[in-house]
PDB file of all heavy atoms in Angstrom:
ATOM      1  N   GLU A   1     -12.850   0.673  30.264  1.00  0.00           N
ATOM      2  CA  GLU A   1     -14.086   0.002  30.638  1.00  0.00           C
ATOM      3  C   GLU A   1     -14.985   0.942  31.436  1.00  0.00           C
ATOM      4  O   GLU A   1     -14.510   1.835  32.134  1.00  0.00           O
ATOM      5  CB  GLU A   1     -13.809  -1.247  31.488  1.00  0.00           C
ATOM      6  CG  GLU A   1     -12.927  -2.291  30.835  1.00  0.00           C
ATOM      7  CD  GLU A   1     -11.488  -2.185  31.286  1.00  0.00           C
ATOM      8  OE1 GLU A   1     -11.063  -1.077  31.678  1.00  0.00           O
ATOM      9  OE2 GLU A   1     -10.784  -3.211  31.248  1.00  0.00           O
ATOM     10  N   SER A   2     -16.277   0.690  31.368  1.00  0.00           N
ATOM     11  CA  SER A   2     -17.245   1.420  32.161  1.00  0.00           C
ATOM     12  C   SER A   2     -18.474   0.548  32.372  1.00  0.00           C
ATOM     13  O   SER A   2     -18.652  -0.458  31.687  1.00  0.00           O
ATOM     14  CB  SER A   2     -17.638   2.741  31.499  1.00  0.00           C
ATOM     15  OG  SER A   2     -18.256   2.518  30.248  1.00  0.00           O
ATOM     16  N   GLY A   3     -19.312   0.932  33.318  1.00  0.00           N
ATOM     17  CA  GLY A   3     -20.571   0.243  33.537  1.00  0.00           C
ATOM     18  C   GLY A   3     -20.624  -0.650  34.755  1.00  0.00           C
ATOM     19  O   GLY A   3     -21.683  -1.199  35.066  1.00  0.00           O
ATOM     20  N   GLY A   4     -19.508  -0.809  35.445  1.00  0.00           N
ATOM     21  CA  GLY A   4     -19.510  -1.626  36.641  1.00  0.00           C
ATOM     22  C   GLY A   4     -20.245  -0.948  37.781  1.00  0.00           C
ATOM     23  O   GLY A   4     -20.601   0.229  37.714  1.00  0.00           O
ATOM     24  N   GLY A   5     -20.472  -1.700  38.839  1.00  0.00           N
ATOM     25  CA  GLY A   5     -21.161  -1.156  39.994  1.00  0.00           C
ATOM     26  C   GLY A   5     -21.651  -2.238  40.916  1.00  0.00           C
ATOM     27  O   GLY A   5     -21.228  -3.392  40.833  1.00  0.00           O
ATOM     28  N   LEU A   6     -22.551  -1.855  41.806  1.00  0.00           N
ATOM     29  CA  LEU A   6     -23.137  -2.757  42.789  1.00  0.00           C
ATOM     30  C   LEU A   6     -24.551  -3.113  42.364  1.00  0.00           C
ATOM     31  O   LEU A   6     -25.349  -2.229  42.040  1.00  0.00           O
ATOM     32  CB  LEU A   6     -23.144  -2.099  44.165  1.00  0.00           C
ATOM     33  CG  LEU A   6     -23.835  -2.854  45.298  1.00  0.00           C
ATOM     34  CD1 LEU A   6     -23.116  -4.164  45.590  1.00  0.00           C
ATOM     35  CD2 LEU A   6     -23.899  -1.975  46.541  1.00  0.00           C
ATOM     36  N   VAL A   7     -24.858  -4.394  42.374  1.00  0.00           N
ATOM     37  CA  VAL A   7     -26.175  -4.857  41.981  1.00  0.00           C
ATOM     38  C   VAL A   7     -26.575  -6.043  42.853  1.00  0.00           C
ATOM     39  O   VAL A   7     -25.716  -6.791  43.328  1.00  0.00           O
ATOM     40  CB  VAL A   7     -26.196  -5.236  40.481  1.00  0.00           C
ATOM     41  CG1 VAL A   7     -25.288  -6.433  40.214  1.00  0.00           C
ATOM     42  CG2 VAL A   7     -27.603  -5.506  39.992  1.00  0.00           C
ATOM     43  N   GLN A   8     -27.862  -6.207  43.069  1.00  0.00           N
ATOM     44  CA  GLN A   8     -28.351  -7.350  43.824  1.00  0.00           C
ATOM     45  C   GLN A   8     -28.352  -8.603  42.958  1.00  0.00           C
ATOM     46  O   GLN A   8     -28.440  -8.536  41.737  1.00  0.00           O
ATOM     47  CB  GLN A   8     -29.764  -7.093  44.338  1.00  0.00           C
ATOM     48  CG  GLN A   8     -29.867  -5.994  45.380  1.00  0.00           C
ATOM     49  CD  GLN A   8     -31.285  -5.821  45.905  1.00  0.00           C
ATOM     50  OE1 GLN A   8     -32.176  -6.615  45.615  1.00  0.00           O
ATOM     51  NE2 GLN A   8     -31.491  -4.783  46.689  1.00  0.00           N
ATOM     52  N   ALA A   9     -28.249  -9.745  43.608  1.00  0.00           N
ATOM     53  CA  ALA A   9     -28.324 -11.013  42.897  1.00  0.00           C
ATOM     54  C   ALA A   9     -29.601 -11.076  42.075  1.00  0.00           C
ATOM     55  O   ALA A   9     -30.675 -10.690  42.538  1.00  0.00           O
ATOM     56  CB  ALA A   9     -28.266 -12.182  43.874  1.00  0.00           C
ATOM     57  N   GLY A  10     -29.461 -11.549  40.847  1.00  0.00           N
ATOM     58  CA  GLY A  10     -30.581 -11.601  39.934  1.00  0.00           C
ATOM     59  C   GLY A  10     -30.709 -10.380  39.053  1.00  0.00           C
ATOM     60  O   GLY A  10     -31.484 -10.394  38.083  1.00  0.00           O
ATOM     61  N   GLY A  11     -29.948  -9.343  39.349  1.00  0.00           N
ATOM     62  CA  GLY A  11     -30.001  -8.125  38.578  1.00  0.00           C
ATOM     63  C   GLY A  11     -29.122  -8.171  37.347  1.00  0.00           C
ATOM     64  O   GLY A  11     -28.525  -9.200  37.019  1.00  0.00           O
ATOM     65  N   SER A  12     -29.027  -7.027  36.674  1.00  0.00           N
ATOM     66  CA  SER A  12     -28.300  -6.939  35.422  1.00  0.00           C
ATOM     67  C   SER A  12     -27.395  -5.716  35.387  1.00  0.00           C
ATOM     68  O   SER A  12     -27.671  -4.701  36.027  1.00  0.00           O
ATOM     69  CB  SER A  12     -29.271  -6.857  34.235  1.00  0.00           C
ATOM     70  OG  SER A  12     -30.084  -8.010  34.140  1.00  0.00           O
ATOM     71  N   LEU A  13     -26.329  -5.822  34.632  1.00  0.00           N
ATOM     72  CA  LEU A  13     -25.435  -4.721  34.326  1.00  0.00           C
ATOM     73  C   LEU A  13     -24.962  -4.865  32.893  1.00  0.00           C
ATOM     74  O   LEU A  13     -24.899  -5.975  32.374  1.00  0.00           O
ATOM     75  CB  LEU A  13     -24.205  -4.703  35.241  1.00  0.00           C
ATOM     76  CG  LEU A  13     -24.370  -4.271  36.694  1.00  0.00           C
ATOM     77  CD1 LEU A  13     -23.066  -4.520  37.445  1.00  0.00           C
ATOM     78  CD2 LEU A  13     -24.763  -2.806  36.786  1.00  0.00           C
ATOM     79  N   ARG A  14     -24.615  -3.754  32.278  1.00  0.00           N
ATOM     80  CA  ARG A  14     -23.988  -3.788  30.971  1.00  0.00           C
ATOM     81  C   ARG A  14     -22.657  -3.069  31.025  1.00  0.00           C
ATOM     82  O   ARG A  14     -22.594  -1.887  31.366  1.00  0.00           O
ATOM     83  CB  ARG A  14     -24.860  -3.152  29.889  1.00  0.00           C
ATOM     84  CG  ARG A  14     -24.299  -3.412  28.480  1.00  0.00           C
ATOM     85  CD  ARG A  14     -25.123  -2.785  27.381  1.00  0.00           C
ATOM     86  NE  ARG A  14     -24.938  -1.340  27.307  1.00  0.00           N
ATOM     87  CZ  ARG A  14     -25.130  -0.611  26.215  1.00  0.00           C
ATOM     88  NH1 ARG A  14     -25.528  -1.202  25.092  1.00  0.00           N
ATOM     89  NH2 ARG A  14     -24.958   0.693  26.243  1.00  0.00           N
ATOM     90  N   LEU A  15     -21.603  -3.781  30.704  1.00  0.00           N
ATOM     91  CA  LEU A  15     -20.270  -3.218  30.658  1.00  0.00           C
ATOM     92  C   LEU A  15     -19.934  -2.788  29.237  1.00  0.00           C
ATOM     93  O   LEU A  15     -20.342  -3.426  28.270  1.00  0.00           O
ATOM     94  CB  LEU A  15     -19.225  -4.236  31.132  1.00  0.00           C
ATOM     95  CG  LEU A  15     -19.455  -4.889  32.494  1.00  0.00           C
ATOM     96  CD1 LEU A  15     -18.280  -5.808  32.827  1.00  0.00           C
ATOM     97  CD2 LEU A  15     -19.650  -3.848  33.580  1.00  0.00           C
ATOM     98  N   SER A  16     -19.172  -1.716  29.139  1.00  0.00           N
ATOM     99  CA  SER A  16     -18.707  -1.230  27.848  1.00  0.00           C
ATOM    100  C   SER A  16     -17.199  -1.059  27.890  1.00  0.00           C
ATOM    101  O   SER A  16     -16.626  -0.750  28.934  1.00  0.00           O
ATOM    102  CB  SER A  16     -19.354   0.114  27.501  1.00  0.00           C
ATOM    103  OG  SER A  16     -20.754   0.013  27.422  1.00  0.00           O
ATOM    104  N   CYS A  17     -16.564  -1.244  26.766  1.00  0.00           N
ATOM    105  CA  CYS A  17     -15.129  -1.022  26.640  1.00  0.00           C
ATOM    106  C   CYS A  17     -14.868  -0.366  25.299  1.00  0.00           C
ATOM    107  O   CYS A  17     -15.126  -0.968  24.253  1.00  0.00           O
ATOM    108  CB  CYS A  17     -14.365  -2.337  26.755  1.00  0.00           C
ATOM    109  SG  CYS A  17     -12.580  -2.172  26.487  1.00  0.00           S
ATOM    110  N   ALA A  18     -14.361   0.843  25.346  1.00  0.00           N
ATOM    111  CA  ALA A  18     -14.094   1.608  24.140  1.00  0.00           C
ATOM    112  C   ALA A  18     -12.599   1.695  23.881  1.00  0.00           C
ATOM    113  O   ALA A  18     -11.822   2.003  24.789  1.00  0.00           O
ATOM    114  CB  ALA A  18     -14.686   3.009  24.255  1.00  0.00           C
ATOM    115  N   ALA A  19     -12.211   1.432  22.667  1.00  0.00           N
ATOM    116  CA  ALA A  19     -10.819   1.516  22.259  1.00  0.00           C
ATOM    117  C   ALA A  19     -10.563   2.833  21.541  1.00  0.00           C
ATOM    118  O   ALA A  19     -11.385   3.295  20.755  1.00  0.00           O
ATOM    119  CB  ALA A  19     -10.448   0.354  21.347  1.00  0.00           C
ATOM    120  N   SER A  20      -9.424   3.422  21.816  1.00  0.00           N
ATOM    121  CA  SER A  20      -9.037   4.655  21.149  1.00  0.00           C
ATOM    122  C   SER A  20      -7.542   4.639  20.883  1.00  0.00           C
ATOM    123  O   SER A  20      -6.805   3.854  21.463  1.00  0.00           O
ATOM    124  CB  SER A  20      -9.408   5.880  21.990  1.00  0.00           C
ATOM    125  OG  SER A  20      -8.715   5.882  23.226  1.00  0.00           O
ATOM    126  N   GLY A  21      -7.109   5.520  20.016  1.00  0.00           N
ATOM    127  CA  GLY A  21      -5.702   5.606  19.688  1.00  0.00           C
ATOM    128  C   GLY A  21      -5.445   5.324  18.224  1.00  0.00           C
ATOM    129  O   GLY A  21      -6.343   5.406  17.392  1.00  0.00           O
ATOM    130  N   SER A  22      -4.211   4.990  17.936  1.00  0.00           N
ATOM    131  CA  SER A  22      -3.796   4.731  16.566  1.00  0.00           C
ATOM    132  C   SER A  22      -4.116   3.288  16.199  1.00  0.00           C
ATOM    133  O   SER A  22      -3.264   2.398  16.299  1.00  0.00           O
ATOM    134  CB  SER A  22      -2.302   5.021  16.401  1.00  0.00           C
ATOM    135  OG  SER A  22      -2.007   6.375  16.695  1.00  0.00           O
ATOM    136  N   ILE A  23      -5.341   3.079  15.782  1.00  0.00           N
ATOM    137  CA  ILE A  23      -5.834   1.737  15.490  1.00  0.00           C
ATOM    138  C   ILE A  23      -5.782   1.476  13.998  1.00  0.00           C
ATOM    139  O   ILE A  23      -6.366   2.208  13.203  1.00  0.00           O
ATOM    140  CB  ILE A  23      -7.270   1.564  15.995  1.00  0.00           C
ATOM    141  CG1 ILE A  23      -7.350   1.807  17.504  1.00  0.00           C
ATOM    142  CG2 ILE A  23      -7.786   0.168  15.653  1.00  0.00           C
ATOM    143  CD1 ILE A  23      -8.757   1.888  18.034  1.00  0.00           C
ATOM    144  N   SER A  24      -5.093   0.422  13.647  1.00  0.00           N
ATOM    145  CA  SER A  24      -5.145  -0.071  12.283  1.00  0.00           C
ATOM    146  C   SER A  24      -6.347  -0.988  12.112  1.00  0.00           C
ATOM    147  O   SER A  24      -7.147  -0.822  11.193  1.00  0.00           O
ATOM    148  CB  SER A  24      -3.852  -0.794  11.917  1.00  0.00           C
ATOM    149  OG  SER A  24      -3.919  -1.300  10.598  1.00  0.00           O
ATOM    150  N   ARG A  25      -6.467  -1.952  13.007  1.00  0.00           N
ATOM    151  CA  ARG A  25      -7.617  -2.842  13.041  1.00  0.00           C
ATOM    152  C   ARG A  25      -7.695  -3.508  14.408  1.00  0.00           C
ATOM    153  O   ARG A  25      -6.694  -3.619  15.106  1.00  0.00           O
ATOM    154  CB  ARG A  25      -7.551  -3.898  11.944  1.00  0.00           C
ATOM    155  CG  ARG A  25      -6.375  -4.845  12.076  1.00  0.00           C
ATOM    156  CD  ARG A  25      -6.401  -5.918  11.006  1.00  0.00           C
ATOM    157  NE  ARG A  25      -7.522  -6.838  11.182  1.00  0.00           N
ATOM    158  CZ  ARG A  25      -7.803  -7.840  10.361  1.00  0.00           C
ATOM    159  NH1 ARG A  25      -7.058  -8.036   9.272  1.00  0.00           N
ATOM    160  NH2 ARG A  25      -8.831  -8.633  10.603  1.00  0.00           N
ATOM    161  N   ILE A  26      -8.889  -3.916  14.776  1.00  0.00           N
ATOM    162  CA  ILE A  26      -9.105  -4.695  15.980  1.00  0.00           C
ATOM    163  C   ILE A  26      -9.588  -6.071  15.563  1.00  0.00           C
ATOM    164  O   ILE A  26     -10.579  -6.192  14.843  1.00  0.00           O
ATOM    165  CB  ILE A  26     -10.126  -4.039  16.915  1.00  0.00           C
ATOM    166  CG1 ILE A  26      -9.650  -2.644  17.327  1.00  0.00           C
ATOM    167  CG2 ILE A  26     -10.347  -4.909  18.152  1.00  0.00           C
ATOM    168  CD1 ILE A  26     -10.615  -1.905  18.229  1.00  0.00           C
ATOM    169  N   ASN A  27      -8.872  -7.068  16.008  1.00  0.00           N
ATOM    170  CA  ASN A  27      -9.230  -8.440  15.684  1.00  0.00           C
ATOM    171  C   ASN A  27     -10.223  -8.947  16.736  1.00  0.00           C
ATOM    172  O   ASN A  27     -11.319  -8.411  16.852  1.00  0.00           O
ATOM    173  CB  ASN A  27      -7.965  -9.282  15.580  1.00  0.00           C
ATOM    174  CG  ASN A  27      -6.970  -8.675  14.587  1.00  0.00           C
ATOM    175  OD1 ASN A  27      -7.292  -8.482  13.418  1.00  0.00           O
ATOM    176  ND2 ASN A  27      -5.773  -8.346  15.058  1.00  0.00           N
ATOM    177  N   ALA A  28      -9.858  -9.932  17.522  1.00  0.00           N
ATOM    178  CA  ALA A  28     -10.759 -10.410  18.563  1.00  0.00           C
ATOM    179  C   ALA A  28     -10.761  -9.456  19.759  1.00  0.00           C
ATOM    180  O   ALA A  28      -9.778  -8.766  20.034  1.00  0.00           O
ATOM    181  CB  ALA A  28     -10.364 -11.811  19.011  1.00  0.00           C
ATOM    182  N   MET A  29     -11.877  -9.407  20.471  1.00  0.00           N
ATOM    183  CA  MET A  29     -11.992  -8.672  21.715  1.00  0.00           C
ATOM    184  C   MET A  29     -12.602  -9.611  22.751  1.00  0.00           C
ATOM    185  O   MET A  29     -13.274 -10.580  22.402  1.00  0.00           O
ATOM    186  CB  MET A  29     -12.862  -7.428  21.565  1.00  0.00           C
ATOM    187  CG  MET A  29     -12.379  -6.466  20.498  1.00  0.00           C
ATOM    188  SD  MET A  29     -13.364  -4.941  20.400  1.00  0.00           S
ATOM    189  CE  MET A  29     -12.730  -4.059  21.850  1.00  0.00           C
ATOM    190  N   GLY A  30     -12.367  -9.312  24.014  1.00  0.00           N
ATOM    191  CA  GLY A  30     -12.893 -10.188  25.041  1.00  0.00           C
ATOM    192  C   GLY A  30     -13.027  -9.520  26.384  1.00  0.00           C
ATOM    193  O   GLY A  30     -12.551  -8.407  26.605  1.00  0.00           O
ATOM    194  N   TRP A  31     -13.715 -10.224  27.269  1.00  0.00           N
ATOM    195  CA  TRP A  31     -13.866  -9.824  28.661  1.00  0.00           C
ATOM    196  C   TRP A  31     -13.278 -10.899  29.552  1.00  0.00           C
ATOM    197  O   TRP A  31     -13.510 -12.099  29.339  1.00  0.00           O
ATOM    198  CB  TRP A  31     -15.331  -9.601  29.027  1.00  0.00           C
ATOM    199  CG  TRP A  31     -15.914  -8.364  28.437  1.00  0.00           C
ATOM    200  CD1 TRP A  31     -16.629  -8.246  27.291  1.00  0.00           C
ATOM    201  CD2 TRP A  31     -15.816  -7.041  28.986  1.00  0.00           C
ATOM    202  NE1 TRP A  31     -16.996  -6.937  27.081  1.00  0.00           N
ATOM    203  CE2 TRP A  31     -16.512  -6.174  28.106  1.00  0.00           C
ATOM    204  CE3 TRP A  31     -15.222  -6.506  30.122  1.00  0.00           C
ATOM    205  CZ2 TRP A  31     -16.616  -4.805  28.343  1.00  0.00           C
ATOM    206  CZ3 TRP A  31     -15.327  -5.136  30.352  1.00  0.00           C
ATOM    207  CH2 TRP A  31     -16.019  -4.317  29.465  1.00  0.00           C
ATOM    208  N   TYR A  32     -12.529 -10.470  30.546  1.00  0.00           N
ATOM    209  CA  TYR A  32     -11.946 -11.338  31.549  1.00  0.00           C
ATOM    210  C   TYR A  32     -12.300 -10.780  32.918  1.00  0.00           C
ATOM    211  O   TYR A  32     -12.684  -9.618  33.048  1.00  0.00           O
ATOM    212  CB  TYR A  32     -10.429 -11.413  31.394  1.00  0.00           C
ATOM    213  CG  TYR A  32      -9.985 -12.042  30.089  1.00  0.00           C
ATOM    214  CD1 TYR A  32     -10.088 -11.342  28.885  1.00  0.00           C
ATOM    215  CD2 TYR A  32      -9.471 -13.333  30.057  1.00  0.00           C
ATOM    216  CE1 TYR A  32      -9.692 -11.921  27.686  1.00  0.00           C
ATOM    217  CE2 TYR A  32      -9.070 -13.915  28.870  1.00  0.00           C
ATOM    218  CZ  TYR A  32      -9.179 -13.201  27.684  1.00  0.00           C
ATOM    219  OH  TYR A  32      -8.783 -13.778  26.504  1.00  0.00           O
ATOM    220  N   ARG A  33     -12.180 -11.597  33.949  1.00  0.00           N
ATOM    221  CA  ARG A  33     -12.446 -11.113  35.291  1.00  0.00           C
ATOM    222  C   ARG A  33     -11.465 -11.726  36.272  1.00  0.00           C
ATOM    223  O   ARG A  33     -10.921 -12.801  36.046  1.00  0.00           O
ATOM    224  CB  ARG A  33     -13.887 -11.409  35.717  1.00  0.00           C
ATOM    225  CG  ARG A  33     -14.216 -12.887  35.866  1.00  0.00           C
ATOM    226  CD  ARG A  33     -15.714 -13.072  36.117  1.00  0.00           C
ATOM    227  NE  ARG A  33     -16.067 -14.468  36.313  1.00  0.00           N
ATOM    228  CZ  ARG A  33     -17.311 -14.907  36.412  1.00  0.00           C
ATOM    229  NH1 ARG A  33     -18.335 -14.046  36.342  1.00  0.00           N
ATOM    230  NH2 ARG A  33     -17.546 -16.203  36.593  1.00  0.00           N
ATOM    231  N   GLN A  34     -11.265 -11.020  37.374  1.00  0.00           N
ATOM    232  CA  GLN A  34     -10.353 -11.480  38.404  1.00  0.00           C
ATOM    233  C   GLN A  34     -10.903 -11.122  39.776  1.00  0.00           C
ATOM    234  O   GLN A  34     -11.124  -9.953  40.076  1.00  0.00           O
ATOM    235  CB  GLN A  34      -8.962 -10.870  38.227  1.00  0.00           C
ATOM    236  CG  GLN A  34      -7.917 -11.432  39.160  1.00  0.00           C
ATOM    237  CD  GLN A  34      -6.511 -11.028  38.754  1.00  0.00           C
ATOM    238  OE1 GLN A  34      -6.318 -10.070  38.024  1.00  0.00           O
ATOM    239  NE2 GLN A  34      -5.529 -11.777  39.229  1.00  0.00           N
ATOM    240  N   ALA A  35     -11.132 -12.147  40.583  1.00  0.00           N
ATOM    241  CA  ALA A  35     -11.544 -11.966  41.964  1.00  0.00           C
ATOM    242  C   ALA A  35     -10.301 -11.975  42.849  1.00  0.00           C
ATOM    243  O   ALA A  35      -9.270 -12.537  42.478  1.00  0.00           O
ATOM    244  CB  ALA A  35     -12.509 -13.072  42.381  1.00  0.00           C
TER     245      ALA A  35
END
């Protein structure tokens, strides 16, 4: 993952997640968070 950081309320960020390795196929992908 990349793209995280500090932002003020009301602002925007774009996160990216790149997969690499021996990939046959990627089915579903998702984002989760933990406080």
